[in-house]
Amino acid sequence: MQDQRASQKDAYALILEAIDSHVYKPGDRLVESELAERFGVSRTPIREALQRLETQSLLTRDGRSLIVASLDHSQLSELYVVRGELEGLAARLAARHAAPEEVKVLRDMLDADLQLVGDPKALSRANRRFHKQIHLASHNRFLVQQLDLVHRSMALLATTSIAAEGRGNETLQEHAAIVSAIEAGDGDAAYQALRDHISKAFVTRLKLDAEAVEAAE
């Protein structure tokens, strides 16, 4: 029974990571047998993982097939509104509760991420780790759970806004401002810095989507 639960968890995590890393993009069809072969997992845990992802609205039905869901403009806007508020709250709480060691980890991340500016995919992964560290530093398990749900939905975005020209450097500057506010114990400043960071990312996302529509016409 324990091995079965582990395989279910592994199958879910493997598919979710593949979506998050854009191995599977919005609109891509997920086939049970192909996933089982790719990940070396039996079809039963794959089937259960797909059902779980469909329940979480990360997959949707196209006839009898399951495909990776996509976000329309309204859903994207709603997601960024919720993300901005929750992320801002996490930063505010981190300013109150983060241990010196947690702040040091954030500082070390900033230093390491400077080497990744020319690699959008690597910087995007580092960005997720940075935000997760702030979530944990909030020391509020219920907030962390809600942010996990939000970031799970972020996996449905086909591209990362960090890939936009100049956005990598801007992102790191914004991260630095967030960490400085947390380190100073200034909850209001930390909240605002992170809200501003999410707002700028959203503006970049909208511009990228507009450019993609124009290119397709």
C-alpha atoms as a PDB file:
ATOM      1  CA  MET A   1       0.000   0.000   0.000  1.00  0.00           C
ATOM      2  CA  GLN A   2       2.819   2.395   0.860  1.00  0.00           C
ATOM      3  CA  ASP A   3       4.585   1.670  -2.451  1.00  0.00           C
ATOM      4  CA  GLN A   4       1.326   2.317  -4.303  1.00  0.00           C
ATOM      5  CA  ARG A   5       0.854   5.692  -2.588  1.00  0.00           C
ATOM      6  CA  ALA A   6       4.460   6.588  -3.382  1.00  0.00           C
ATOM      7  CA  SER A   7       4.017   5.748  -7.061  1.00  0.00           C
ATOM      8  CA  GLN A   8       0.830   7.818  -7.190  1.00  0.00           C
ATOM      9  CA  LYS A   9       2.647  10.770  -5.676  1.00  0.00           C
ATOM     10  CA  ASP A  10       5.613  10.294  -7.983  1.00  0.00           C
ATOM     11  CA  ALA A  11       3.411  10.086 -11.101  1.00  0.00           C
ATOM     12  CA  TYR A  12       1.579  13.264 -10.124  1.00  0.00           C
ATOM     13  CA  ALA A  13       4.819  15.105  -9.340  1.00  0.00           C
ATOM     14  CA  LEU A  14       6.446  13.930 -12.569  1.00  0.00           C
ATOM     15  CA  ILE A  15       3.578  15.091 -14.780  1.00  0.00           C
ATOM     16  CA  LEU A  16       3.243  18.373 -12.897  1.00  0.00           C
ATOM     17  CA  GLU A  17       6.964  19.060 -13.265  1.00  0.00           C
ATOM     18  CA  ALA A  18       6.749  18.284 -16.994  1.00  0.00           C
ATOM     19  CA  ILE A  19       3.941  20.844 -17.340  1.00  0.00           C
ATOM     20  CA  ASP A  20       5.768  23.370 -15.169  1.00  0.00           C
ATOM     21  CA  SER A  21       8.959  23.038 -17.233  1.00  0.00           C
ATOM     22  CA  HIS A  22       6.936  23.304 -20.484  1.00  0.00           C
ATOM     23  CA  VAL A  23       7.697  19.797 -21.685  1.00  0.00           C
ATOM     24  CA  TYR A  24       3.924  19.739 -22.072  1.00  0.00           C
ATOM     25  CA  LYS A  25       2.386  23.085 -23.011  1.00  0.00           C
ATOM     26  CA  PRO A  26      -1.211  24.335 -23.034  1.00  0.00           C
ATOM     27  CA  GLY A  27      -3.156  22.424 -25.660  1.00  0.00           C
ATOM     28  CA  ASP A  28      -0.831  19.397 -25.645  1.00  0.00           C
ATOM     29  CA  ARG A  29      -2.605  16.050 -25.384  1.00  0.00           C
ATOM     30  CA  LEU A  30      -1.559  13.721 -22.563  1.00  0.00           C
ATOM     31  CA  VAL A  31      -1.791  10.026 -23.375  1.00  0.00           C
ATOM     32  CA  GLU A  32      -1.774   7.566 -20.502  1.00  0.00           C
ATOM     33  CA  SER A  33       0.347   4.930 -22.234  1.00  0.00           C
ATOM     34  CA  GLU A  34       2.914   7.464 -23.476  1.00  0.00           C
ATOM     35  CA  LEU A  35       3.275   8.989 -19.994  1.00  0.00           C
ATOM     36  CA  ALA A  36       3.706   5.568 -18.418  1.00  0.00           C
ATOM     37  CA  GLU A  37       6.485   4.761 -20.881  1.00  0.00           C
ATOM     38  CA  ARG A  38       8.189   8.159 -20.512  1.00  0.00           C
ATOM     39  CA  PHE A  39       8.276   8.091 -16.722  1.00  0.00           C
ATOM     40  CA  GLY A  40       8.660   4.353 -16.184  1.00  0.00           C
ATOM     41  CA  VAL A  41       5.513   4.181 -14.065  1.00  0.00           C
ATOM     42  CA  SER A  42       2.591   1.776 -14.449  1.00  0.00           C
ATOM     43  CA  ARG A  43      -0.595   3.056 -16.026  1.00  0.00           C
ATOM     44  CA  THR A  44      -2.700   2.904 -12.848  1.00  0.00           C
ATOM     45  CA  PRO A  45      -0.830   5.674 -10.955  1.00  0.00           C
ATOM     46  CA  ILE A  46      -0.608   7.668 -14.206  1.00  0.00           C
ATOM     47  CA  ARG A  47      -4.389   7.415 -14.609  1.00  0.00           C
ATOM     48  CA  GLU A  48      -4.953   8.518 -11.012  1.00  0.00           C
ATOM     49  CA  ALA A  49      -2.503  11.395 -11.403  1.00  0.00           C
ATOM     50  CA  LEU A  50      -4.306  12.572 -14.549  1.00  0.00           C
ATOM     51  CA  GLN A  51      -7.636  12.468 -12.728  1.00  0.00           C
ATOM     52  CA  ARG A  52      -6.162  14.550  -9.906  1.00  0.00           C
ATOM     53  CA  LEU A  53      -4.739  17.111 -12.337  1.00  0.00           C
ATOM     54  CA  GLU A  54      -8.095  17.331 -14.112  1.00  0.00           C
ATOM     55  CA  THR A  55      -9.827  17.932 -10.769  1.00  0.00           C
ATOM     56  CA  GLN A  56      -7.363  20.768 -10.134  1.00  0.00           C
ATOM     57  CA  SER A  57      -8.235  22.262 -13.560  1.00  0.00           C
ATOM     58  CA  LEU A  58      -4.681  21.819 -14.828  1.00  0.00           C
ATOM     59  CA  LEU A  59      -6.006  19.419 -17.461  1.00  0.00           C
ATOM     60  CA  THR A  60      -9.219  19.718 -19.435  1.00  0.00           C
ATOM     61  CA  ARG A  61     -11.249  17.494 -21.762  1.00  0.00           C
ATOM     62  CA  ASP A  62     -11.143  17.753 -25.528  1.00  0.00           C
ATOM     63  CA  GLY A  63     -13.596  15.097 -26.522  1.00  0.00           C
ATOM     64  CA  ARG A  64     -12.262  11.934 -24.920  1.00  0.00           C
ATOM     65  CA  SER A  65      -8.720  13.275 -24.669  1.00  0.00           C
ATOM     66  CA  LEU A  66      -7.100  15.120 -21.782  1.00  0.00           C
ATOM     67  CA  ILE A  67      -5.103  18.184 -22.741  1.00  0.00           C
ATOM     68  CA  VAL A  68      -3.085  20.703 -20.755  1.00  0.00           C
ATOM     69  CA  ALA A  69      -5.428  23.567 -19.886  1.00  0.00           C
ATOM     70  CA  SER A  70      -4.802  27.159 -20.935  1.00  0.00           C
ATOM     71  CA  LEU A  71      -5.725  30.452 -19.285  1.00  0.00           C
ATOM     72  CA  ASP A  72      -7.793  33.058 -21.097  1.00  0.00           C
ATOM     73  CA  HIS A  73      -7.295  36.783 -20.490  1.00  0.00           C
ATOM     74  CA  SER A  74      -9.829  36.973 -17.650  1.00  0.00           C
ATOM     75  CA  GLN A  75      -8.398  33.930 -15.879  1.00  0.00           C
ATOM     76  CA  LEU A  76      -4.885  35.324 -16.239  1.00  0.00           C
ATOM     77  CA  SER A  77      -5.951  38.652 -14.727  1.00  0.00           C
ATOM     78  CA  GLU A  78      -7.717  36.926 -11.850  1.00  0.00           C
ATOM     79  CA  LEU A  79      -4.688  34.750 -11.178  1.00  0.00           C
ATOM     80  CA  TYR A  80      -2.308  37.702 -11.015  1.00  0.00           C
ATOM     81  CA  VAL A  81      -4.651  39.633  -8.680  1.00  0.00           C
ATOM     82  CA  VAL A  82      -4.721  36.740  -6.224  1.00  0.00           C
ATOM     83  CA  ARG A  83      -1.025  36.067  -6.627  1.00  0.00           C
ATOM     84  CA  GLY A  84      -0.117  39.698  -5.940  1.00  0.00           C
ATOM     85  CA  GLU A  85      -2.134  39.808  -2.719  1.00  0.00           C
ATOM     86  CA  LEU A  86      -0.934  36.455  -1.381  1.00  0.00           C
ATOM     87  CA  GLU A  87       2.704  37.032  -2.340  1.00  0.00           C
ATOM     88  CA  GLY A  88       2.573  40.488  -0.767  1.00  0.00           C
ATOM     89  CA  LEU A  89       1.186  39.007   2.440  1.00  0.00           C
ATOM     90  CA  ALA A  90       3.943  36.382   2.452  1.00  0.00           C
ATOM     91  CA  ALA A  91       6.580  39.120   2.173  1.00  0.00           C
ATOM     92  CA  ARG A  92       4.927  41.120   4.975  1.00  0.00           C
ATOM     93  CA  LEU A  93       4.914  38.079   7.267  1.00  0.00           C
ATOM     94  CA  ALA A  94       8.471  37.185   6.285  1.00  0.00           C
ATOM     95  CA  ALA A  95       9.570  40.670   7.382  1.00  0.00           C
ATOM     96  CA  ARG A  96       8.107  39.875  10.791  1.00  0.00           C
ATOM     97  CA  HIS A  97       9.062  36.255  11.224  1.00  0.00           C
ATOM     98  CA  ALA A  98      12.038  35.323   9.001  1.00  0.00           C
ATOM     99  CA  ALA A  99      15.065  34.059  10.911  1.00  0.00           C
ATOM    100  CA  PRO A 100      18.459  35.626  10.097  1.00  0.00           C
ATOM    101  CA  GLU A 101      19.420  32.349   8.444  1.00  0.00           C
ATOM    102  CA  GLU A 102      16.401  32.544   6.133  1.00  0.00           C
ATOM    103  CA  VAL A 103      17.316  36.082   5.125  1.00  0.00           C
ATOM    104  CA  LYS A 104      20.855  34.879   4.407  1.00  0.00           C
ATOM    105  CA  VAL A 105      19.476  32.169   2.130  1.00  0.00           C
ATOM    106  CA  LEU A 106      17.562  34.840   0.192  1.00  0.00           C
ATOM    107  CA  ARG A 107      20.733  36.959  -0.067  1.00  0.00           C
ATOM    108  CA  ASP A 108      22.715  33.955  -1.297  1.00  0.00           C
ATOM    109  CA  MET A 109      20.027  33.291  -3.902  1.00  0.00           C
ATOM    110  CA  LEU A 110      20.339  36.860  -5.177  1.00  0.00           C
ATOM    111  CA  ASP A 111      24.100  36.458  -5.578  1.00  0.00           C
ATOM    112  CA  ALA A 112      23.790  33.102  -7.338  1.00  0.00           C
ATOM    113  CA  ASP A 113      21.032  34.277  -9.667  1.00  0.00           C
ATOM    114  CA  LEU A 114      23.219  37.050 -11.064  1.00  0.00           C
ATOM    115  CA  GLN A 115      25.030  34.328 -13.018  1.00  0.00           C
ATOM    116  CA  LEU A 116      21.779  33.217 -14.684  1.00  0.00           C
ATOM    117  CA  VAL A 117      20.657  36.454 -16.370  1.00  0.00           C
ATOM    118  CA  GLY A 118      21.562  35.122 -19.824  1.00  0.00           C
ATOM    119  CA  ASP A 119      19.641  31.874 -19.301  1.00  0.00           C
ATOM    120  CA  PRO A 120      15.872  32.606 -19.027  1.00  0.00           C
ATOM    121  CA  LYS A 121      14.907  28.993 -18.292  1.00  0.00           C
ATOM    122  CA  ALA A 122      17.422  28.654 -15.474  1.00  0.00           C
ATOM    123  CA  LEU A 123      16.507  32.080 -14.125  1.00  0.00           C
ATOM    124  CA  SER A 124      12.822  31.137 -14.220  1.00  0.00           C
ATOM    125  CA  ARG A 125      13.537  28.056 -12.104  1.00  0.00           C
ATOM    126  CA  ALA A 126      15.608  30.185  -9.724  1.00  0.00           C
ATOM    127  CA  ASN A 127      12.755  32.690  -9.562  1.00  0.00           C
ATOM    128  CA  ARG A 128      10.378  29.964  -8.401  1.00  0.00           C
ATOM    129  CA  ARG A 129      12.860  28.874  -5.717  1.00  0.00           C
ATOM    130  CA  PHE A 130      13.237  32.478  -4.546  1.00  0.00           C
ATOM    131  CA  HIS A 131       9.497  32.990  -4.199  1.00  0.00           C
ATOM    132  CA  LYS A 132       9.098  29.625  -2.461  1.00  0.00           C
ATOM    133  CA  GLN A 133      11.727  30.661   0.072  1.00  0.00           C
ATOM    134  CA  ILE A 134       9.749  33.813   0.872  1.00  0.00           C
ATOM    135  CA  HIS A 135       6.598  31.709   1.264  1.00  0.00           C
ATOM    136  CA  LEU A 136       8.369  29.481   3.769  1.00  0.00           C
ATOM    137  CA  ALA A 137       9.849  32.473   5.586  1.00  0.00           C
ATOM    138  CA  SER A 138       6.309  33.725   6.245  1.00  0.00           C
ATOM    139  CA  HIS A 139       5.952  30.860   8.736  1.00  0.00           C
ATOM    140  CA  ASN A 140       2.275  30.482   7.880  1.00  0.00           C
ATOM    141  CA  ARG A 141       1.454  26.996   6.632  1.00  0.00           C
ATOM    142  CA  PHE A 142      -2.031  27.920   5.376  1.00  0.00           C
ATOM    143  CA  LEU A 143      -0.665  30.767   3.273  1.00  0.00           C
ATOM    144  CA  VAL A 144       2.021  28.465   1.877  1.00  0.00           C
ATOM    145  CA  GLN A 145      -0.667  25.965   0.844  1.00  0.00           C
ATOM    146  CA  GLN A 146      -2.662  28.631  -0.989  1.00  0.00           C
ATOM    147  CA  LEU A 147       0.435  29.936  -2.737  1.00  0.00           C
ATOM    148  CA  ASP A 148       1.282  26.398  -3.842  1.00  0.00           C
ATOM    149  CA  LEU A 149      -2.125  26.262  -5.553  1.00  0.00           C
ATOM    150  CA  VAL A 150      -1.530  29.614  -7.241  1.00  0.00           C
ATOM    151  CA  HIS A 151       1.910  28.628  -8.482  1.00  0.00           C
ATOM    152  CA  ARG A 152       0.540  25.327  -9.718  1.00  0.00           C
ATOM    153  CA  SER A 153      -1.794  27.326 -11.974  1.00  0.00           C
ATOM    154  CA  MET A 154       1.155  29.455 -13.122  1.00  0.00           C
ATOM    155  CA  ALA A 155       2.462  26.295 -14.785  1.00  0.00           C
ATOM    156  CA  LEU A 156      -0.272  26.759 -17.411  1.00  0.00           C
ATOM    157  CA  LEU A 157       1.516  29.798 -18.843  1.00  0.00           C
ATOM    158  CA  ALA A 158       3.280  28.675 -21.999  1.00  0.00           C
ATOM    159  CA  THR A 159       6.249  31.019 -21.566  1.00  0.00           C
ATOM    160  CA  THR A 160       8.013  32.840 -18.752  1.00  0.00           C
ATOM    161  CA  SER A 161       7.862  36.643 -18.576  1.00  0.00           C
ATOM    162  CA  ILE A 162      11.533  36.554 -17.558  1.00  0.00           C
ATOM    163  CA  ALA A 163      12.345  35.684 -21.175  1.00  0.00           C
ATOM    164  CA  ALA A 164      11.365  39.214 -22.273  1.00  0.00           C
ATOM    165  CA  GLU A 165      14.302  41.431 -23.192  1.00  0.00           C
ATOM    166  CA  GLY A 166      15.716  43.148 -20.111  1.00  0.00           C
ATOM    167  CA  ARG A 167      13.299  41.435 -17.747  1.00  0.00           C
ATOM    168  CA  GLY A 168      15.990  39.229 -16.175  1.00  0.00           C
ATOM    169  CA  ASN A 169      17.966  42.160 -14.779  1.00  0.00           C
ATOM    170  CA  GLU A 170      14.792  43.951 -13.717  1.00  0.00           C
ATOM    171  CA  THR A 171      13.605  40.846 -11.885  1.00  0.00           C
ATOM    172  CA  LEU A 172      16.805  40.602  -9.873  1.00  0.00           C
ATOM    173  CA  GLN A 173      16.670  44.296  -8.962  1.00  0.00           C
ATOM    174  CA  GLU A 174      13.100  43.830  -7.757  1.00  0.00           C
ATOM    175  CA  HIS A 175      14.112  40.739  -5.790  1.00  0.00           C
ATOM    176  CA  ALA A 176      16.869  42.743  -4.117  1.00  0.00           C
ATOM    177  CA  ALA A 177      14.365  45.395  -3.007  1.00  0.00           C
ATOM    178  CA  ILE A 178      12.105  42.713  -1.547  1.00  0.00           C
ATOM    179  CA  VAL A 179      14.935  41.109   0.403  1.00  0.00           C
ATOM    180  CA  SER A 180      16.139  44.477   1.719  1.00  0.00           C
ATOM    181  CA  ALA A 181      12.672  45.229   3.083  1.00  0.00           C
ATOM    182  CA  ILE A 182      12.385  41.791   4.674  1.00  0.00           C
ATOM    183  CA  GLU A 183      15.852  42.130   6.195  1.00  0.00           C
ATOM    184  CA  ALA A 184      14.897  45.549   7.620  1.00  0.00           C
ATOM    185  CA  GLY A 185      11.771  44.066   9.183  1.00  0.00           C
ATOM    186  CA  ASP A 186       9.620  46.549   7.248  1.00  0.00           C
ATOM    187  CA  GLY A 187       6.449  44.605   6.500  1.00  0.00           C
ATOM    188  CA  ASP A 188       4.728  47.415   4.587  1.00  0.00           C
ATOM    189  CA  ALA A 189       7.729  47.959   2.329  1.00  0.00           C
ATOM    190  CA  ALA A 190       8.148  44.208   1.770  1.00  0.00           C
ATOM    191  CA  TYR A 191       4.467  43.869   0.857  1.00  0.00           C
ATOM    192  CA  GLN A 192       4.631  46.780  -1.588  1.00  0.00           C
ATOM    193  CA  ALA A 193       7.923  45.661  -3.151  1.00  0.00           C
ATOM    194  CA  LEU A 194       6.542  42.219  -3.866  1.00  0.00           C
ATOM    195  CA  ARG A 195       3.206  43.567  -5.105  1.00  0.00           C
ATOM    196  CA  ASP A 196       5.094  45.894  -7.473  1.00  0.00           C
ATOM    197  CA  HIS A 197       7.224  42.964  -8.638  1.00  0.00           C
ATOM    198  CA  ILE A 198       4.142  40.878  -9.507  1.00  0.00           C
ATOM    199  CA  SER A 199       2.494  43.876 -11.196  1.00  0.00           C
ATOM    200  CA  LYS A 200       5.519  44.439 -13.452  1.00  0.00           C
ATOM    201  CA  ALA A 201       5.628  40.744 -14.309  1.00  0.00           C
ATOM    202  CA  PHE A 202       1.947  40.917 -15.264  1.00  0.00           C
ATOM    203  CA  VAL A 203       2.520  43.937 -17.515  1.00  0.00           C
ATOM    204  CA  THR A 204       5.346  42.056 -19.232  1.00  0.00           C
ATOM    205  CA  ARG A 205       3.095  39.016 -19.631  1.00  0.00           C
ATOM    206  CA  LEU A 206       0.362  41.095 -21.260  1.00  0.00           C
ATOM    207  CA  LYS A 207       2.868  42.625 -23.687  1.00  0.00           C
ATOM    208  CA  LEU A 208       4.205  39.188 -24.629  1.00  0.00           C
ATOM    209  CA  ASP A 209       0.681  37.889 -25.229  1.00  0.00           C
ATOM    210  CA  ALA A 210      -0.164  40.950 -27.361  1.00  0.00           C
ATOM    211  CA  GLU A 211       2.973  40.427 -29.445  1.00  0.00           C
ATOM    212  CA  ALA A 212       2.122  36.746 -29.917  1.00  0.00           C
ATOM    213  CA  VAL A 213      -1.374  37.611 -31.152  1.00  0.00           C
ATOM    214  CA  GLU A 214       0.012  40.220 -33.547  1.00  0.00           C
ATOM    215  CA  ALA A 215       2.598  37.770 -34.899  1.00  0.00           C
ATOM    216  CA  ALA A 216      -0.113  35.188 -35.543  1.00  0.00           C
ATOM    217  CA  GLU A 217      -2.238  37.586 -37.592  1.00  0.00           C
END
